[in-house]
N, C-alpha and C. Protein backbone atom coordinates (compact mmCIF):
# COMPACT_ATOMS: atom_id res chain seq x y z
N UNK A 1 163.00 106.77 101.95
CA UNK A 1 161.78 107.59 101.93
C UNK A 1 160.54 106.77 102.26
N UNK A 2 160.63 105.43 101.99
CA UNK A 2 159.45 104.59 102.17
C UNK A 2 159.02 104.54 103.62
N UNK A 3 159.99 104.66 104.57
CA UNK A 3 159.67 104.58 105.98
C UNK A 3 159.38 105.94 106.59
N UNK A 4 159.42 106.99 105.80
CA UNK A 4 159.18 108.33 106.29
C UNK A 4 157.90 108.89 105.69
N UNK A 5 157.35 109.87 106.38
CA UNK A 5 156.23 110.60 105.82
C UNK A 5 156.75 111.50 104.70
N UNK A 6 156.18 111.36 103.53
CA UNK A 6 156.65 112.12 102.36
C UNK A 6 155.81 113.38 102.20
N UNK A 7 156.44 114.51 102.29
CA UNK A 7 155.79 115.81 102.17
C UNK A 7 156.14 116.44 100.83
N UNK A 8 155.12 116.83 100.07
CA UNK A 8 155.34 117.67 98.90
C UNK A 8 155.14 119.11 99.32
N UNK A 9 156.19 119.93 99.16
CA UNK A 9 156.15 121.33 99.57
C UNK A 9 156.35 122.20 98.34
N UNK A 10 155.34 123.01 98.00
CA UNK A 10 155.40 123.85 96.82
C UNK A 10 155.39 125.31 97.26
N UNK A 11 156.52 125.99 97.04
CA UNK A 11 156.72 127.37 97.51
C UNK A 11 157.69 128.06 96.55
N UNK A 12 157.31 129.24 96.07
CA UNK A 12 158.16 129.92 95.08
C UNK A 12 159.26 130.77 95.71
N UNK A 13 159.15 131.11 96.98
CA UNK A 13 160.20 131.89 97.65
C UNK A 13 161.35 130.96 98.02
N UNK A 14 162.53 131.22 97.44
CA UNK A 14 163.67 130.33 97.63
C UNK A 14 164.07 130.19 99.10
N UNK A 15 164.08 131.31 99.81
CA UNK A 15 164.51 131.29 101.21
C UNK A 15 163.54 130.48 102.06
N UNK A 16 162.25 130.76 101.91
CA UNK A 16 161.24 130.03 102.69
C UNK A 16 161.27 128.55 102.33
N UNK A 17 161.37 128.26 101.03
CA UNK A 17 161.34 126.86 100.59
C UNK A 17 162.51 126.07 101.17
N UNK A 18 163.71 126.64 101.09
CA UNK A 18 164.89 125.91 101.56
C UNK A 18 164.91 125.79 103.08
N UNK A 19 164.54 126.87 103.77
CA UNK A 19 164.56 126.83 105.24
C UNK A 19 163.50 125.87 105.78
N UNK A 20 162.31 125.90 105.17
CA UNK A 20 161.24 125.01 105.64
C UNK A 20 161.57 123.56 105.33
N UNK A 21 162.15 123.31 104.16
CA UNK A 21 162.54 121.94 103.83
C UNK A 21 163.53 121.39 104.85
N UNK A 22 164.53 122.19 105.19
CA UNK A 22 165.52 121.75 106.18
C UNK A 22 164.87 121.49 107.54
N UNK A 23 163.94 122.37 107.94
CA UNK A 23 163.28 122.21 109.23
C UNK A 23 162.45 120.93 109.27
N UNK A 24 161.72 120.67 108.19
CA UNK A 24 160.90 119.46 108.14
C UNK A 24 161.76 118.20 108.11
N UNK A 25 162.86 118.26 107.39
CA UNK A 25 163.74 117.09 107.34
C UNK A 25 164.38 116.82 108.70
N UNK A 26 164.67 117.87 109.44
CA UNK A 26 165.21 117.67 110.79
C UNK A 26 164.20 116.97 111.69
N UNK A 27 162.92 117.16 111.40
CA UNK A 27 161.88 116.51 112.19
C UNK A 27 161.51 115.13 111.64
N UNK A 28 162.28 114.65 110.69
CA UNK A 28 162.10 113.28 110.23
C UNK A 28 161.25 113.09 108.99
N UNK A 29 160.81 114.17 108.36
CA UNK A 29 160.01 114.06 107.15
C UNK A 29 160.91 113.95 105.91
N UNK A 30 160.44 113.24 104.92
CA UNK A 30 161.09 113.25 103.61
C UNK A 30 160.38 114.31 102.78
N UNK A 31 161.11 115.27 102.24
CA UNK A 31 160.51 116.44 101.61
C UNK A 31 160.93 116.53 100.15
N UNK A 32 159.93 116.71 99.29
CA UNK A 32 160.17 117.09 97.91
C UNK A 32 159.70 118.53 97.76
N UNK A 33 160.60 119.44 97.46
CA UNK A 33 160.28 120.87 97.38
C UNK A 33 160.28 121.32 95.93
N UNK A 34 159.22 122.01 95.54
CA UNK A 34 159.07 122.49 94.17
C UNK A 34 158.78 123.99 94.17
N UNK A 35 159.27 124.74 93.13
CA UNK A 35 159.17 126.19 93.13
C UNK A 35 157.92 126.77 92.47
N UNK A 36 157.12 125.94 91.81
CA UNK A 36 155.94 126.47 91.12
C UNK A 36 154.86 125.40 91.03
N UNK A 37 153.66 125.83 90.65
CA UNK A 37 152.52 124.94 90.66
C UNK A 37 152.60 123.80 89.66
N UNK A 38 153.10 124.07 88.47
CA UNK A 38 153.16 123.03 87.44
C UNK A 38 154.14 121.93 87.81
N UNK A 39 155.32 122.31 88.31
CA UNK A 39 156.27 121.29 88.74
C UNK A 39 155.75 120.55 89.97
N UNK A 40 155.00 121.27 90.81
CA UNK A 40 154.39 120.63 91.97
C UNK A 40 153.38 119.57 91.57
N UNK A 41 152.57 119.88 90.54
CA UNK A 41 151.58 118.92 90.07
C UNK A 41 152.26 117.69 89.47
N UNK A 42 153.32 117.92 88.70
CA UNK A 42 154.06 116.80 88.11
C UNK A 42 154.65 115.92 89.19
N UNK A 43 155.21 116.55 90.22
CA UNK A 43 155.80 115.78 91.31
C UNK A 43 154.74 115.00 92.06
N UNK A 44 153.59 115.62 92.28
CA UNK A 44 152.51 114.92 92.97
C UNK A 44 152.08 113.68 92.20
N UNK A 45 151.90 113.82 90.92
CA UNK A 45 151.46 112.68 90.10
C UNK A 45 152.51 111.58 90.04
N UNK A 46 153.78 111.96 90.09
CA UNK A 46 154.85 110.98 89.99
C UNK A 46 155.09 110.24 91.30
N UNK A 47 154.98 110.96 92.43
CA UNK A 47 155.42 110.40 93.71
C UNK A 47 154.30 110.06 94.68
N UNK A 48 153.11 110.66 94.51
CA UNK A 48 151.99 110.45 95.43
C UNK A 48 152.43 110.60 96.89
N UNK A 49 152.69 111.82 97.32
CA UNK A 49 153.16 112.05 98.70
C UNK A 49 152.06 111.76 99.71
N UNK A 50 152.46 111.75 100.98
CA UNK A 50 151.50 111.54 102.07
C UNK A 50 150.71 112.79 102.39
N UNK A 51 151.30 113.95 102.13
CA UNK A 51 150.64 115.23 102.41
C UNK A 51 151.26 116.29 101.52
N UNK A 52 150.48 117.29 101.15
CA UNK A 52 150.96 118.39 100.30
C UNK A 52 150.81 119.71 101.03
N UNK A 53 151.88 120.50 101.02
CA UNK A 53 151.87 121.87 101.55
C UNK A 53 151.96 122.80 100.36
N UNK A 54 150.96 123.65 100.17
CA UNK A 54 150.90 124.48 98.97
C UNK A 54 150.80 125.95 99.34
N UNK A 55 151.73 126.74 98.85
CA UNK A 55 151.59 128.19 98.98
C UNK A 55 150.45 128.65 98.08
N UNK A 56 149.70 129.64 98.52
CA UNK A 56 148.58 130.14 97.72
C UNK A 56 149.09 130.83 96.45
N UNK A 57 150.07 131.70 96.60
CA UNK A 57 150.57 132.49 95.47
C UNK A 57 151.74 131.77 94.81
N UNK A 58 151.46 131.08 93.70
CA UNK A 58 152.48 130.35 92.97
C UNK A 58 152.47 130.77 91.51
N UNK A 59 153.64 130.80 90.87
CA UNK A 59 153.68 131.10 89.44
C UNK A 59 153.24 129.91 88.60
N UNK A 60 152.72 130.20 87.43
CA UNK A 60 152.33 129.15 86.50
C UNK A 60 150.96 128.58 86.81
N UNK A 61 150.85 127.94 87.94
CA UNK A 61 149.58 127.38 88.42
C UNK A 61 149.48 127.74 89.89
N UNK A 62 148.51 128.58 90.25
CA UNK A 62 148.44 129.05 91.63
C UNK A 62 148.05 127.92 92.57
N UNK A 63 148.27 128.16 93.87
CA UNK A 63 148.06 127.12 94.86
C UNK A 63 146.63 126.62 94.94
N UNK A 64 145.67 127.51 94.78
CA UNK A 64 144.26 127.10 94.83
C UNK A 64 143.93 126.18 93.65
N UNK A 65 144.40 126.53 92.47
CA UNK A 65 144.17 125.69 91.29
C UNK A 65 144.89 124.36 91.43
N UNK A 66 146.10 124.39 91.99
CA UNK A 66 146.84 123.15 92.21
C UNK A 66 146.11 122.26 93.20
N UNK A 67 145.59 122.85 94.26
CA UNK A 67 144.81 122.08 95.23
C UNK A 67 143.61 121.43 94.56
N UNK A 68 142.94 122.17 93.71
CA UNK A 68 141.77 121.64 93.02
C UNK A 68 142.15 120.46 92.12
N UNK A 69 143.29 120.59 91.44
CA UNK A 69 143.76 119.49 90.57
C UNK A 69 144.07 118.24 91.42
N UNK A 70 144.74 118.45 92.54
CA UNK A 70 145.06 117.33 93.42
C UNK A 70 143.79 116.67 93.94
N UNK A 71 142.83 117.50 94.34
CA UNK A 71 141.61 116.95 94.90
C UNK A 71 140.78 116.19 93.86
N UNK A 72 140.90 116.57 92.60
CA UNK A 72 140.22 115.84 91.54
C UNK A 72 140.76 114.42 91.38
N UNK A 73 142.01 114.23 91.81
CA UNK A 73 142.68 112.95 91.58
C UNK A 73 142.91 112.14 92.84
N UNK A 74 142.80 112.76 94.00
CA UNK A 74 143.25 112.09 95.21
C UNK A 74 142.60 112.67 96.46
N UNK A 75 142.62 111.89 97.53
CA UNK A 75 142.16 112.36 98.83
C UNK A 75 143.32 112.69 99.76
N UNK A 76 144.55 112.73 99.21
CA UNK A 76 145.71 113.03 100.03
C UNK A 76 145.50 114.37 100.75
N UNK A 77 145.85 114.48 102.04
CA UNK A 77 145.63 115.74 102.76
C UNK A 77 146.43 116.89 102.19
N UNK A 78 145.81 118.08 102.22
CA UNK A 78 146.42 119.29 101.70
C UNK A 78 146.33 120.40 102.75
N UNK A 79 147.46 121.05 102.99
CA UNK A 79 147.49 122.24 103.85
C UNK A 79 147.93 123.41 102.99
N UNK A 80 147.14 124.49 103.01
CA UNK A 80 147.47 125.69 102.27
C UNK A 80 148.29 126.63 103.15
N UNK A 81 149.21 127.36 102.54
CA UNK A 81 150.01 128.36 103.24
C UNK A 81 149.62 129.73 102.68
N UNK A 82 149.14 130.60 103.55
CA UNK A 82 148.67 131.91 103.12
C UNK A 82 149.40 133.01 103.87
N UNK A 83 149.71 134.10 103.18
CA UNK A 83 150.45 135.19 103.79
C UNK A 83 149.57 136.06 104.69
N UNK A 84 148.26 136.00 104.49
CA UNK A 84 147.37 136.84 105.28
C UNK A 84 146.22 136.02 105.83
N UNK A 85 146.00 136.09 107.15
CA UNK A 85 144.95 135.31 107.78
C UNK A 85 143.56 135.74 107.33
N UNK A 86 143.41 137.02 106.94
CA UNK A 86 142.09 137.51 106.55
C UNK A 86 141.88 137.45 105.04
N UNK A 87 142.81 136.81 104.33
CA UNK A 87 142.72 136.79 102.88
C UNK A 87 141.59 135.89 102.40
N UNK A 88 140.94 136.32 101.32
CA UNK A 88 139.93 135.50 100.69
C UNK A 88 140.55 134.22 100.15
N UNK A 89 141.88 134.25 99.94
CA UNK A 89 142.57 133.06 99.44
C UNK A 89 142.42 131.89 100.40
N UNK A 90 142.32 132.17 101.70
CA UNK A 90 142.14 131.09 102.67
C UNK A 90 140.85 130.34 102.38
N UNK A 91 139.77 131.09 102.23
CA UNK A 91 138.47 130.46 101.95
C UNK A 91 138.49 129.76 100.60
N UNK A 92 139.10 130.40 99.60
CA UNK A 92 139.16 129.78 98.28
C UNK A 92 139.93 128.46 98.33
N UNK A 93 141.00 128.43 99.11
CA UNK A 93 141.77 127.20 99.24
C UNK A 93 140.96 126.10 99.91
N UNK A 94 140.23 126.44 100.95
CA UNK A 94 139.39 125.45 101.62
C UNK A 94 138.27 124.97 100.71
N UNK A 95 137.69 125.89 99.96
CA UNK A 95 136.62 125.51 99.04
C UNK A 95 137.15 124.61 97.92
N UNK A 96 138.44 124.76 97.59
CA UNK A 96 139.05 123.93 96.56
C UNK A 96 139.34 122.52 97.07
N UNK A 97 139.21 122.32 98.37
CA UNK A 97 139.40 120.99 98.92
C UNK A 97 140.52 120.85 99.93
N UNK A 98 141.18 121.95 100.30
CA UNK A 98 142.23 121.88 101.31
C UNK A 98 141.64 121.48 102.66
N UNK A 99 142.42 120.78 103.45
CA UNK A 99 141.95 120.31 104.76
C UNK A 99 142.26 121.29 105.88
N UNK A 100 143.25 122.14 105.68
CA UNK A 100 143.64 123.09 106.72
C UNK A 100 144.52 124.15 106.07
N UNK A 101 144.87 125.17 106.82
CA UNK A 101 145.79 126.19 106.32
C UNK A 101 146.64 126.72 107.46
N UNK A 102 147.78 127.25 107.10
CA UNK A 102 148.69 127.87 108.07
C UNK A 102 149.07 129.24 107.52
N UNK A 103 149.05 130.23 108.41
CA UNK A 103 149.36 131.61 108.00
C UNK A 103 150.86 131.88 108.06
N UNK A 104 151.37 132.49 107.01
CA UNK A 104 152.78 132.92 106.99
C UNK A 104 152.90 134.34 107.54
N UNK A 105 154.03 134.66 108.20
CA UNK A 105 155.13 133.75 108.54
C UNK A 105 154.73 132.78 109.65
N UNK A 106 155.23 131.56 109.58
CA UNK A 106 154.86 130.54 110.55
C UNK A 106 156.09 130.04 111.30
N UNK A 107 155.86 129.59 112.51
CA UNK A 107 156.90 128.96 113.31
C UNK A 107 157.02 127.51 112.85
N UNK A 108 158.25 127.03 112.70
CA UNK A 108 158.46 125.67 112.23
C UNK A 108 157.79 124.63 113.10
N UNK A 109 157.81 124.83 114.41
CA UNK A 109 157.20 123.87 115.33
C UNK A 109 155.68 123.83 115.15
N UNK A 110 155.09 125.00 114.87
CA UNK A 110 153.64 125.06 114.65
C UNK A 110 153.28 124.32 113.37
N UNK A 111 154.07 124.53 112.32
CA UNK A 111 153.80 123.84 111.06
C UNK A 111 153.90 122.34 111.23
N UNK A 112 154.93 121.87 111.92
CA UNK A 112 155.08 120.43 112.15
C UNK A 112 153.89 119.88 112.95
N UNK A 113 153.45 120.64 113.96
CA UNK A 113 152.31 120.19 114.76
C UNK A 113 151.05 120.08 113.92
N UNK A 114 150.84 121.03 113.01
CA UNK A 114 149.66 120.99 112.16
C UNK A 114 149.73 119.83 111.16
N UNK A 115 150.93 119.58 110.63
CA UNK A 115 151.10 118.45 109.72
C UNK A 115 150.76 117.15 110.44
N UNK A 116 151.30 116.99 111.62
CA UNK A 116 151.07 115.75 112.37
C UNK A 116 149.61 115.61 112.78
N UNK A 117 148.97 116.73 113.09
CA UNK A 117 147.54 116.68 113.43
C UNK A 117 146.72 116.21 112.24
N UNK A 118 147.03 116.73 111.06
CA UNK A 118 146.30 116.31 109.85
C UNK A 118 146.55 114.83 109.58
N UNK A 119 147.79 114.38 109.71
CA UNK A 119 148.10 112.98 109.45
C UNK A 119 147.43 112.06 110.46
N UNK A 120 147.30 112.49 111.71
CA UNK A 120 146.57 111.68 112.69
C UNK A 120 145.11 111.54 112.29
N UNK A 121 144.54 112.63 111.79
CA UNK A 121 143.13 112.57 111.36
C UNK A 121 142.96 111.60 110.20
N UNK A 122 143.97 111.52 109.36
CA UNK A 122 143.88 110.64 108.20
C UNK A 122 144.34 109.22 108.53
N UNK A 123 144.79 109.03 109.76
CA UNK A 123 145.07 107.69 110.22
C UNK A 123 146.37 107.09 109.74
N UNK A 124 147.34 107.91 109.36
CA UNK A 124 148.62 107.37 108.94
C UNK A 124 149.72 108.40 109.13
N UNK A 125 150.92 107.89 109.20
CA UNK A 125 152.11 108.74 109.26
C UNK A 125 152.97 108.46 108.05
N UNK A 126 152.39 107.94 107.02
CA UNK A 126 153.11 107.59 105.81
C UNK A 126 152.28 106.62 105.01
N UNK A 127 152.69 106.35 103.77
CA UNK A 127 152.01 105.33 103.00
C UNK A 127 151.22 105.86 101.85
N UNK A 128 151.24 107.17 101.60
CA UNK A 128 150.65 107.69 100.37
C UNK A 128 149.18 107.93 100.45
N UNK A 129 148.53 107.82 99.29
CA UNK A 129 147.14 108.19 99.11
C UNK A 129 146.21 107.22 99.79
N UNK A 130 145.41 107.71 100.73
CA UNK A 130 144.45 106.87 101.41
C UNK A 130 143.11 107.55 101.43
N UNK A 131 142.06 106.76 101.36
CA UNK A 131 140.73 107.33 101.28
C UNK A 131 139.93 107.15 102.55
N UNK A 132 140.43 106.31 103.49
CA UNK A 132 139.62 106.03 104.67
C UNK A 132 139.72 107.16 105.67
N UNK A 133 138.64 107.30 106.46
CA UNK A 133 138.63 108.31 107.52
C UNK A 133 138.98 107.62 108.82
N UNK A 134 140.19 107.11 108.93
CA UNK A 134 140.60 106.37 110.10
C UNK A 134 140.63 107.28 111.31
N UNK A 135 140.33 106.69 112.48
CA UNK A 135 140.36 107.44 113.71
C UNK A 135 139.00 107.96 114.12
N UNK A 136 138.02 107.92 113.21
CA UNK A 136 136.69 108.36 113.55
C UNK A 136 136.00 107.28 114.38
N UNK A 137 135.04 107.69 115.17
CA UNK A 137 134.33 106.75 116.02
C UNK A 137 133.60 105.71 115.19
N UNK A 138 133.78 104.45 115.55
CA UNK A 138 133.13 103.35 114.85
C UNK A 138 131.89 102.96 115.63
N UNK A 139 130.73 103.43 115.17
CA UNK A 139 129.48 103.13 115.86
C UNK A 139 128.84 101.87 115.32
N UNK A 140 129.33 101.35 114.20
CA UNK A 140 128.82 100.10 113.65
C UNK A 140 127.53 100.28 112.89
N UNK A 141 127.35 99.47 111.83
CA UNK A 141 126.09 99.46 111.12
C UNK A 141 125.92 100.63 110.16
N UNK A 142 124.70 100.72 109.66
CA UNK A 142 124.34 101.77 108.71
C UNK A 142 123.32 102.70 109.37
N UNK A 143 123.62 103.97 109.39
CA UNK A 143 122.73 104.98 109.94
C UNK A 143 121.97 105.63 108.80
N UNK A 144 120.67 105.83 108.99
CA UNK A 144 119.83 106.38 107.94
C UNK A 144 119.19 107.68 108.39
N UNK A 145 119.30 108.69 107.54
CA UNK A 145 118.68 109.99 107.79
C UNK A 145 117.97 110.41 106.50
N UNK A 146 116.69 110.11 106.42
CA UNK A 146 115.97 110.38 105.18
C UNK A 146 116.54 109.54 104.06
N UNK A 147 116.98 110.20 102.97
CA UNK A 147 117.55 109.48 101.84
C UNK A 147 119.06 109.30 101.97
N UNK A 148 119.60 109.67 103.16
CA UNK A 148 121.04 109.60 103.40
C UNK A 148 121.37 108.37 104.23
N UNK A 149 122.31 107.55 103.76
CA UNK A 149 122.77 106.38 104.49
C UNK A 149 124.27 106.51 104.76
N UNK A 150 124.64 106.32 106.03
CA UNK A 150 126.04 106.42 106.44
C UNK A 150 126.47 105.07 106.99
N UNK A 151 127.34 104.40 106.27
CA UNK A 151 127.89 103.11 106.69
C UNK A 151 129.15 103.38 107.49
N UNK A 152 129.06 103.28 108.81
CA UNK A 152 130.19 103.63 109.66
C UNK A 152 131.23 102.52 109.74
N UNK A 153 130.89 101.33 109.28
CA UNK A 153 131.87 100.24 109.20
C UNK A 153 132.66 100.33 107.90
N UNK A 154 131.93 100.45 106.80
CA UNK A 154 132.58 100.49 105.49
C UNK A 154 133.05 101.86 105.07
N UNK A 155 132.74 102.88 105.91
CA UNK A 155 133.11 104.26 105.61
C UNK A 155 132.59 104.66 104.22
N UNK A 156 131.30 104.37 104.00
CA UNK A 156 130.67 104.72 102.74
C UNK A 156 129.40 105.51 103.01
N UNK A 157 129.08 106.39 102.08
CA UNK A 157 127.87 107.21 102.19
C UNK A 157 127.09 107.11 100.89
N UNK A 158 125.77 106.94 101.03
CA UNK A 158 124.89 106.90 99.87
C UNK A 158 123.75 107.90 100.07
N UNK A 159 123.38 108.55 99.00
CA UNK A 159 122.25 109.45 99.02
C UNK A 159 121.30 109.04 97.91
N UNK A 160 120.07 108.71 98.29
CA UNK A 160 119.07 108.22 97.34
C UNK A 160 119.61 107.02 96.56
N UNK A 161 120.39 106.18 97.25
CA UNK A 161 120.92 104.97 96.64
C UNK A 161 122.19 105.16 95.85
N UNK A 162 122.64 106.39 95.71
CA UNK A 162 123.85 106.65 94.92
C UNK A 162 125.02 106.96 95.84
N UNK A 163 126.20 106.44 95.52
CA UNK A 163 127.37 106.71 96.38
C UNK A 163 127.75 108.18 96.36
N UNK A 164 128.19 108.66 97.52
CA UNK A 164 128.64 110.04 97.67
C UNK A 164 130.13 110.01 97.99
N UNK A 165 130.93 110.69 97.17
CA UNK A 165 132.38 110.72 97.37
C UNK A 165 132.73 111.84 98.35
N UNK A 166 133.28 111.47 99.49
CA UNK A 166 133.69 112.44 100.51
C UNK A 166 135.19 112.34 100.73
N UNK A 167 135.81 113.47 101.03
CA UNK A 167 137.20 113.44 101.47
C UNK A 167 137.22 112.90 102.89
N UNK A 168 138.38 112.42 103.37
CA UNK A 168 138.45 111.94 104.75
C UNK A 168 137.99 112.98 105.78
N UNK A 169 138.33 114.25 105.58
CA UNK A 169 137.90 115.28 106.51
C UNK A 169 136.38 115.43 106.48
N UNK A 170 135.80 115.41 105.30
CA UNK A 170 134.34 115.50 105.20
C UNK A 170 133.68 114.29 105.84
N UNK A 171 134.29 113.12 105.68
CA UNK A 171 133.72 111.91 106.28
C UNK A 171 133.77 112.00 107.80
N UNK A 172 134.88 112.46 108.34
CA UNK A 172 134.99 112.61 109.79
C UNK A 172 133.95 113.61 110.30
N UNK A 173 133.75 114.68 109.56
CA UNK A 173 132.76 115.68 109.95
C UNK A 173 131.36 115.08 109.96
N UNK A 174 131.03 114.32 108.91
CA UNK A 174 129.71 113.68 108.85
C UNK A 174 129.54 112.66 109.97
N UNK A 175 130.59 111.92 110.29
CA UNK A 175 130.50 110.95 111.38
C UNK A 175 130.23 111.62 112.71
N UNK A 176 130.82 112.79 112.92
CA UNK A 176 130.54 113.53 114.16
C UNK A 176 129.07 113.93 114.23
N UNK A 177 128.55 114.42 113.12
CA UNK A 177 127.14 114.81 113.10
C UNK A 177 126.23 113.60 113.27
N UNK A 178 126.53 112.51 112.54
CA UNK A 178 125.64 111.36 112.56
C UNK A 178 125.69 110.60 113.87
N UNK A 179 126.76 110.79 114.66
CA UNK A 179 126.84 110.12 115.96
C UNK A 179 125.92 110.78 116.98
N UNK A 180 125.49 112.01 116.69
CA UNK A 180 124.60 112.73 117.62
C UNK A 180 123.58 113.54 116.83
N UNK A 181 122.71 112.88 116.06
CA UNK A 181 121.73 113.62 115.25
C UNK A 181 120.80 114.45 116.12
N UNK A 182 120.54 115.68 115.68
CA UNK A 182 119.67 116.57 116.42
C UNK A 182 120.39 117.35 117.51
N UNK A 183 121.64 117.01 117.78
CA UNK A 183 122.43 117.69 118.81
C UNK A 183 123.26 118.79 118.17
N UNK A 184 123.22 119.97 118.74
CA UNK A 184 124.00 121.08 118.21
C UNK A 184 125.47 120.90 118.60
N UNK A 185 126.33 120.95 117.59
CA UNK A 185 127.77 120.86 117.81
C UNK A 185 128.38 122.22 117.50
N UNK A 186 129.08 122.78 118.46
CA UNK A 186 129.68 124.09 118.25
C UNK A 186 130.87 123.99 117.30
N UNK A 187 131.24 125.10 116.72
CA UNK A 187 132.39 125.13 115.83
C UNK A 187 133.66 124.74 116.58
N UNK A 188 133.79 125.21 117.82
CA UNK A 188 134.99 124.88 118.60
C UNK A 188 135.06 123.38 118.88
N UNK A 189 133.92 122.77 119.17
CA UNK A 189 133.90 121.34 119.42
C UNK A 189 134.27 120.56 118.16
N UNK A 190 133.77 121.01 117.02
CA UNK A 190 134.11 120.35 115.76
C UNK A 190 135.58 120.53 115.43
N UNK A 191 136.14 121.70 115.71
CA UNK A 191 137.57 121.91 115.50
C UNK A 191 138.39 120.93 116.34
N UNK A 192 137.95 120.71 117.56
CA UNK A 192 138.67 119.81 118.45
C UNK A 192 138.54 118.36 118.01
N UNK A 193 137.34 117.96 117.62
CA UNK A 193 137.09 116.55 117.31
C UNK A 193 137.53 116.15 115.90
N UNK A 194 137.30 117.03 114.95
CA UNK A 194 137.59 116.69 113.55
C UNK A 194 138.98 117.14 113.14
N UNK A 195 139.36 118.35 113.55
CA UNK A 195 140.66 118.90 113.14
C UNK A 195 141.76 118.68 114.18
N UNK A 196 141.40 118.07 115.30
CA UNK A 196 142.39 117.73 116.32
C UNK A 196 143.08 118.97 116.88
N UNK A 197 142.34 120.07 116.95
CA UNK A 197 142.88 121.28 117.54
C UNK A 197 142.69 121.24 119.05
N UNK A 198 143.80 121.25 119.77
CA UNK A 198 143.71 121.34 121.22
C UNK A 198 143.69 122.79 121.68
N UNK A 199 143.59 123.69 120.72
CA UNK A 199 143.57 125.13 121.01
C UNK A 199 142.56 125.77 120.07
N UNK A 200 142.29 127.03 120.27
CA UNK A 200 141.35 127.71 119.41
C UNK A 200 141.86 127.80 117.99
N UNK A 201 141.00 127.54 117.03
CA UNK A 201 141.38 127.63 115.63
C UNK A 201 140.42 128.54 114.88
N UNK A 202 140.68 128.71 113.60
CA UNK A 202 139.84 129.56 112.76
C UNK A 202 138.59 128.79 112.37
N UNK A 203 137.44 129.28 112.79
CA UNK A 203 136.20 128.56 112.54
C UNK A 203 135.78 128.60 111.07
N UNK A 204 136.47 129.40 110.25
CA UNK A 204 136.18 129.36 108.82
C UNK A 204 136.44 127.97 108.24
N UNK A 205 137.40 127.27 108.83
CA UNK A 205 137.69 125.91 108.38
C UNK A 205 136.44 125.05 108.51
N UNK A 206 135.75 125.18 109.64
CA UNK A 206 134.52 124.41 109.87
C UNK A 206 133.43 124.86 108.91
N UNK A 207 133.22 126.16 108.80
CA UNK A 207 132.13 126.68 107.98
C UNK A 207 132.25 126.24 106.53
N UNK A 208 133.46 126.33 105.99
CA UNK A 208 133.65 125.96 104.58
C UNK A 208 133.44 124.47 104.38
N UNK A 209 133.93 123.64 105.30
CA UNK A 209 133.75 122.20 105.15
C UNK A 209 132.29 121.79 105.33
N UNK A 210 131.58 122.47 106.22
CA UNK A 210 130.15 122.19 106.34
C UNK A 210 129.43 122.51 105.04
N UNK A 211 129.78 123.63 104.42
CA UNK A 211 129.15 124.00 103.16
C UNK A 211 129.48 122.99 102.07
N UNK A 212 130.73 122.53 102.02
CA UNK A 212 131.12 121.50 101.05
C UNK A 212 130.34 120.22 101.28
N UNK A 213 130.17 119.86 102.55
CA UNK A 213 129.43 118.65 102.89
C UNK A 213 127.97 118.78 102.48
N UNK A 214 127.41 119.95 102.70
CA UNK A 214 126.01 120.17 102.33
C UNK A 214 125.77 119.98 100.84
N UNK A 215 126.72 120.43 100.01
CA UNK A 215 126.54 120.30 98.57
C UNK A 215 126.51 118.83 98.15
N UNK A 216 127.05 117.95 98.99
CA UNK A 216 127.12 116.53 98.63
C UNK A 216 125.99 115.70 99.24
N UNK A 217 125.54 116.08 100.45
CA UNK A 217 124.52 115.25 101.10
C UNK A 217 123.16 115.95 101.16
N UNK A 218 123.09 117.18 100.67
CA UNK A 218 121.83 117.92 100.69
C UNK A 218 121.94 119.18 101.53
N UNK A 219 121.56 120.31 100.95
CA UNK A 219 121.72 121.59 101.62
C UNK A 219 120.94 121.67 102.92
N UNK A 220 119.79 120.98 103.01
CA UNK A 220 118.94 121.09 104.19
C UNK A 220 119.22 120.01 105.22
N UNK A 221 120.20 119.14 104.96
CA UNK A 221 120.46 118.04 105.89
C UNK A 221 121.16 118.53 107.16
N UNK A 222 122.04 119.54 107.03
CA UNK A 222 122.74 120.10 108.19
C UNK A 222 122.18 121.49 108.45
N UNK A 223 121.68 121.69 109.62
CA UNK A 223 121.03 122.96 109.98
C UNK A 223 121.99 123.86 110.76
N UNK A 224 121.99 125.14 110.42
CA UNK A 224 122.76 126.13 111.16
C UNK A 224 121.93 126.64 112.33
N UNK A 225 122.48 126.57 113.51
CA UNK A 225 121.83 127.12 114.70
C UNK A 225 122.62 128.36 115.07
N UNK A 226 122.11 129.50 114.69
CA UNK A 226 122.87 130.75 114.79
C UNK A 226 123.32 131.02 116.22
N UNK A 227 124.60 131.33 116.33
CA UNK A 227 125.17 131.64 117.62
C UNK A 227 125.65 130.42 118.39
N UNK A 228 125.35 129.22 117.87
CA UNK A 228 125.73 128.00 118.60
C UNK A 228 126.53 127.01 117.75
N UNK A 229 126.11 126.77 116.52
CA UNK A 229 126.85 125.81 115.70
C UNK A 229 125.96 125.15 114.66
N UNK A 230 126.13 123.83 114.50
CA UNK A 230 125.40 123.09 113.48
C UNK A 230 124.83 121.80 114.07
N UNK A 231 123.79 121.28 113.42
CA UNK A 231 123.27 119.97 113.82
C UNK A 231 122.75 119.24 112.60
N UNK A 232 122.83 117.92 112.67
CA UNK A 232 122.30 117.08 111.61
C UNK A 232 120.83 116.82 111.91
N UNK A 233 119.98 117.03 110.93
CA UNK A 233 118.56 116.78 111.12
C UNK A 233 118.31 115.29 111.25
N UNK A 234 117.67 114.91 112.34
CA UNK A 234 117.42 113.49 112.60
C UNK A 234 116.33 112.95 111.66
C-alpha cells in the first residue's frame, strides 16, 4: 500500500461500495472502503489516506459532517459524492471543505480522472497528508496587498501579521489571483487552472471556494465582477 495512492471510500450502498472499490483497485489504487461516517472517521485517523471519497448521505455521521471533521484535522483532499447535481448538499459539502464533487451515478473512468486531477493539484500521487500547494506557479518572494502578505516560496499567507491557514486548493486559488492582481479571472479559467478541468465544470466549485477564501483573507480583498468573474484588488 505504501507505493500506491491510498483512497478512503465511504459509501453506505453495498453494491456501489464494492463495485467502485474493485474499479479503483483495477486502476492501481489501494482502497479502504467503509459503510458509514463513524467508521470512515476512525479509518481516516488510523491510516491517513492520500484522498477521501465521501458519499453525502451516510448513516451515523453524514458525509458533510465527516468532511468537516477531516478538514479540522487535515488538508488531505476530499471529493464528495452526491446523488443530485442540483442538491444543496453539493454546496454544503464544498463549504465544509471538500475540494471537488462527483455526481452519482458516475462512470468509473470519470471518477478516476477526477481523483487524479485532484492529486495532481496537490502535487502527489501518494504519501498521505500534505499541506503544500505544489504545482502552483512559483513567482518568488513575498507579495503584499494591503495587510495581506503572500509568500510564494514558503507557501505561507499572513494577514495583519498573523498566519492564515489555507487548504491547498485555497492556496492555489489565491496564487492565481495574486499572480495577476487587478485582472479579472473568469470562473472557467479558474476551473482550468486551479481544478485542472480540461472541460467545462460546475462553477459553484469556484464560487464556494472564493467565498471560503474571502472569510480568511478579508471579504473585500476579492472583488466580484458580475458577468465576468473575480479579481484580487491590487
